[in-house]
Each structure stands twice: as C-alpha cells, then as structure tokens.
Protein backbone atom coordinates (compact mmCIF):
# COMPACT_ATOMS: atom_id res chain seq x y z
CA MET A 1 0.00 0.00 0.00
CA ALA A 2 2.84 2.39 0.78
CA GLU A 3 4.22 1.83 -2.73
CA PHE A 4 0.91 3.00 -4.19
CA TYR A 5 1.00 6.27 -2.25
CA ASN A 6 4.63 6.87 -3.18
CA SER A 7 3.95 6.20 -6.85
CA ILE A 8 1.08 8.67 -7.10
CA GLY A 9 2.84 11.22 -4.94
CA SER A 10 6.04 11.53 -6.84
CA LEU A 11 4.97 13.36 -9.96
CA ASP A 12 7.50 11.74 -12.19
CA ARG A 13 9.05 13.69 -15.01
CA LYS A 14 6.70 12.51 -17.80
CA TRP A 15 3.53 13.33 -15.88
CA HIS A 16 4.89 16.65 -14.73
CA VAL A 17 5.95 17.71 -18.23
CA GLY A 18 2.57 16.53 -19.54
CA LEU A 19 0.76 18.61 -16.92
CA MET A 20 2.95 21.59 -17.76
CA ILE A 21 2.09 21.34 -21.45
CA VAL A 22 -1.66 20.76 -20.98
CA SER A 23 -2.06 23.47 -18.32
CA SER A 24 -0.07 25.94 -20.44
CA LEU A 25 -2.27 25.25 -23.46
CA LEU A 26 -5.40 25.74 -21.36
CA ALA A 27 -4.03 28.96 -19.88
CA ILE A 28 -3.28 30.30 -23.36
CA SER A 29 -6.60 29.23 -24.87
CA VAL A 30 -8.65 31.01 -22.17
CA LEU A 31 -7.43 34.26 -23.73
CA GLY A 32 -9.89 33.58 -26.51
CA PRO A 33 -9.57 34.49 -30.15
CA GLY A 34 -8.63 38.11 -29.47
CA TRP A 35 -5.01 37.67 -30.42
CA TYR A 36 -5.69 36.34 -33.92
CA SER A 37 -9.26 37.10 -34.98
CA GLU A 38 -11.64 39.88 -35.90
CA ASP A 39 -14.10 40.89 -33.17
CA VAL A 40 -17.06 40.17 -35.44
CA LEU A 41 -16.23 36.48 -35.75
CA ALA A 42 -15.05 35.97 -32.17
CA PRO A 43 -18.26 34.47 -30.68
CA TYR A 44 -18.12 31.61 -33.19
CA HIS A 45 -14.65 30.36 -32.32
CA TRP A 46 -13.92 27.03 -30.64
CA HIS A 47 -12.67 28.76 -27.47
CA TYR A 48 -16.18 29.68 -26.42
CA SER A 49 -17.77 26.32 -27.15
CA PHE A 50 -14.90 24.42 -25.50
CA PHE A 51 -15.11 26.35 -22.22
CA SER A 52 -18.90 26.81 -22.22
CA TRP A 53 -19.46 23.59 -20.28
CA LEU A 54 -17.26 24.90 -17.42
CA CYS A 55 -17.88 28.65 -17.39
CA HIS A 56 -20.92 30.90 -17.74
CA GLN A 57 -18.87 33.28 -19.94
CA ASP A 58 -20.90 36.32 -18.88
CA PRO A 59 -19.52 39.31 -20.83
CA THR A 60 -19.93 41.58 -17.80
CA ARG A 61 -17.75 39.22 -15.75
CA SER A 62 -15.06 38.67 -18.36
CA PHE A 63 -11.98 40.63 -19.28
CA ASP A 64 -11.33 41.73 -22.83
CA PHE A 65 -8.12 40.79 -24.57
CA MET A 66 -7.17 42.91 -27.55
CA GLY A 67 -10.76 44.12 -27.91
CA THR A 68 -12.39 40.68 -27.71
CA GLN A 69 -14.04 38.98 -24.76
CA MET A 70 -11.91 36.22 -23.24
CA ALA A 71 -13.21 32.68 -23.46
CA VAL A 72 -13.86 32.47 -19.70
CA CYS A 73 -14.89 34.75 -16.85
CA SER A 74 -12.36 36.45 -14.61
CA ARG A 75 -12.58 33.76 -11.90
CA CYS A 76 -11.93 30.96 -14.39
CA LEU A 77 -9.09 32.98 -15.92
CA GLY A 78 -7.47 33.09 -12.47
CA ILE A 79 -8.00 29.37 -11.95
CA TYR A 80 -6.51 28.26 -15.28
CA SER A 81 -3.59 30.66 -15.29
CA SER A 82 -2.56 30.09 -11.67
CA PHE A 83 -2.98 26.31 -11.96
CA SER A 84 -0.50 26.43 -14.82
CA ALA A 85 1.84 28.67 -12.82
CA GLY A 86 1.48 26.32 -9.84
CA ILE A 87 2.53 23.33 -11.91
CA TYR A 88 5.68 25.22 -12.93
CA PHE A 89 6.22 26.22 -9.29
CA LEU A 90 6.05 22.54 -8.30
CA TRP A 91 8.94 21.89 -10.67
CA PHE A 92 10.94 24.56 -8.84
CA LEU A 93 10.01 23.07 -5.44
CA LYS A 94 11.15 19.67 -6.65
CA ILE A 95 14.49 21.11 -7.78
CA VAL A 96 15.16 22.76 -4.40
CA GLY A 97 13.99 19.63 -2.58
CA TYR A 98 10.97 21.09 -0.77
CA GLN A 99 7.87 18.96 -0.28
CA LEU A 100 4.50 20.46 0.64
CA SER A 101 2.38 18.82 3.31
CA TYR A 102 -0.76 17.17 1.91
CA PRO A 103 -2.95 17.76 4.99
CA PHE A 104 -1.97 21.45 5.02
CA MET A 105 -2.59 21.93 1.29
CA ARG A 106 -5.94 20.16 1.58
CA LYS A 107 -6.96 22.71 4.23
CA VAL A 108 -5.70 25.56 2.04
CA LEU A 109 -7.74 24.28 -0.92
CA LEU A 110 -10.82 23.93 1.28
CA ALA A 111 -10.31 27.50 2.52
CA THR A 112 -10.15 28.82 -1.05
CA ILE A 113 -13.35 26.92 -1.91
CA VAL A 114 -15.07 28.49 1.10
CA MET A 115 -13.79 31.97 0.15
CA ASN A 116 -15.09 31.57 -3.40
CA GLY A 117 -18.42 30.29 -2.10
CA LEU A 118 -18.75 33.22 0.30
CA ASP A 119 -17.90 35.63 -2.51
CA ILE A 120 -20.61 34.15 -4.73
CA LEU A 121 -23.15 34.00 -1.90
CA SER A 122 -22.50 37.53 -0.64
CA ASN A 123 -22.86 38.86 -4.17
CA ALA A 124 -26.12 36.94 -4.69
CA LEU A 125 -27.50 38.27 -1.38
CA ASN A 126 -26.43 41.84 -2.24
CA ILE A 127 -24.14 41.99 0.78
CA TRP A 128 -21.32 43.17 -1.43
CA THR A 129 -20.64 43.44 -5.12
CA ASN A 130 -17.67 41.49 -6.33
CA THR A 131 -15.58 42.88 -9.15
CA LEU A 132 -13.57 41.44 -12.01
CA TYR A 133 -10.45 41.76 -9.89
CA SER A 134 -11.86 40.20 -6.71
CA ARG A 135 -13.09 37.22 -8.73
CA LEU A 136 -9.72 37.02 -10.48
CA LEU A 137 -7.86 37.04 -7.15
CA LEU A 138 -10.04 34.32 -5.64
CA GLY A 139 -9.66 32.25 -8.82
CA ILE A 140 -5.88 32.64 -8.62
CA LEU A 141 -5.88 31.43 -5.01
CA PHE A 142 -8.01 28.40 -5.89
CA GLY A 143 -5.99 27.41 -8.97
CA LEU A 144 -2.69 27.74 -7.15
CA ALA A 145 -3.96 25.73 -4.18
CA ALA A 146 -5.25 23.00 -6.51
CA ALA A 147 -1.90 22.70 -8.29
CA LEU A 148 0.06 22.65 -5.04
CA LEU A 149 -2.30 20.06 -3.56
CA LEU A 150 -1.65 17.88 -6.59
CA GLY A 151 2.08 18.15 -5.94
CA SER A 152 1.72 17.35 -2.25
CA VAL A 153 -0.04 14.02 -2.73
CA GLY A 154 3.23 12.19 -2.02
CA THR A 155 3.15 13.24 1.63
CA ILE A 156 0.08 11.11 2.39
CA LYS A 157 1.04 8.63 5.05
CA PRO A 158 -0.75 5.31 4.75
CA LYS A 159 -2.59 4.32 7.90
CA PRO A 160 -1.17 1.19 9.49
CA THR A 161 -3.45 -1.79 9.29
CA LYS A 162 -3.79 -4.24 12.11
CA ILE A 163 -3.44 -7.87 11.22
CA HIS A 164 -5.29 -10.11 13.57
CA SER A 165 -3.88 -13.56 14.05
CA ILE A 166 -6.15 -16.48 14.61
C-alpha cells in the first residue's frame, strides 16, 4: 500500500511535463480568439464552445483581450492561469527539494473553496458586489492551491493496518 502512495505522490518527469504542457495550453486558450481574430467572428470560435461547459462566460464578468471577450470569466481565468503557474512552481520546489504537506494543502484548498463560495453568496444576497479583480484574485488562489495540492499528494502517510492472528 505504501508503494501506491509513493507512486502517485512523486509526480515523475513525464507526468509533470505533460501537466505543464496541458495546463499551459489551457491557460493560453482562455485568452480567446482576441489575439488572432476579428471581433465580429469571435463568438463563433472554438474557445467559447470548449469552455462553455465549465464557465458561464458572462460578458460583464469577463476581461477583454485585444478588444475581444476572453473565453472564460475572470474567476476561471485566475483558476486556469494560476494552476499552470502552480505546476511550474512545483517543478521549482522539486528542484530545491521542498515537499509540501498534503494535509496542510488540503486545508488551504478547502479555505479557497469556502472563500469563493462566500464571494458568490455575498454577491447573490447583495451583501457586497464582487468585481472582475476580486473574482480574479479568488480564482488565482483556488488554482494555485489545486496545483500545489496535486504536488503534495506524495506526503500522504498510509494508515497502518492491524493484522489479527487467529
């Protein structure tokens, strides 16, 4: 059992490079078609249909990039971009030999989920109005915590099992 936890915890080089590539591509594609397309055709690009199942893509909650709405809202932009940055940061942590604690990172991720939930709830109840930048910041915190939690999986300690003899 301990071998299983060690194998999933040590993000070996192939998985880490794969995650770096995939997360970088996602982080770039959330920018939308603004960097290569006319504004008139932008709503019909694959960026919007690809991310539509994950994000509401409300134009009032999205940044513009080069005059065109990004493919995701500001919170999702923070999540995708900081998850990608977090994967690169894990590479740096691995080089310097630092290992994050899984129980601590799990609590940090839970805290960011609660903060995002409170932000959404307080906005829905008209307690406060969140902005593009507050949603972006909370998305950044969540994405970074998710990436760092992924890198801390190797610190899970298997619980000892008792073997009863007959």
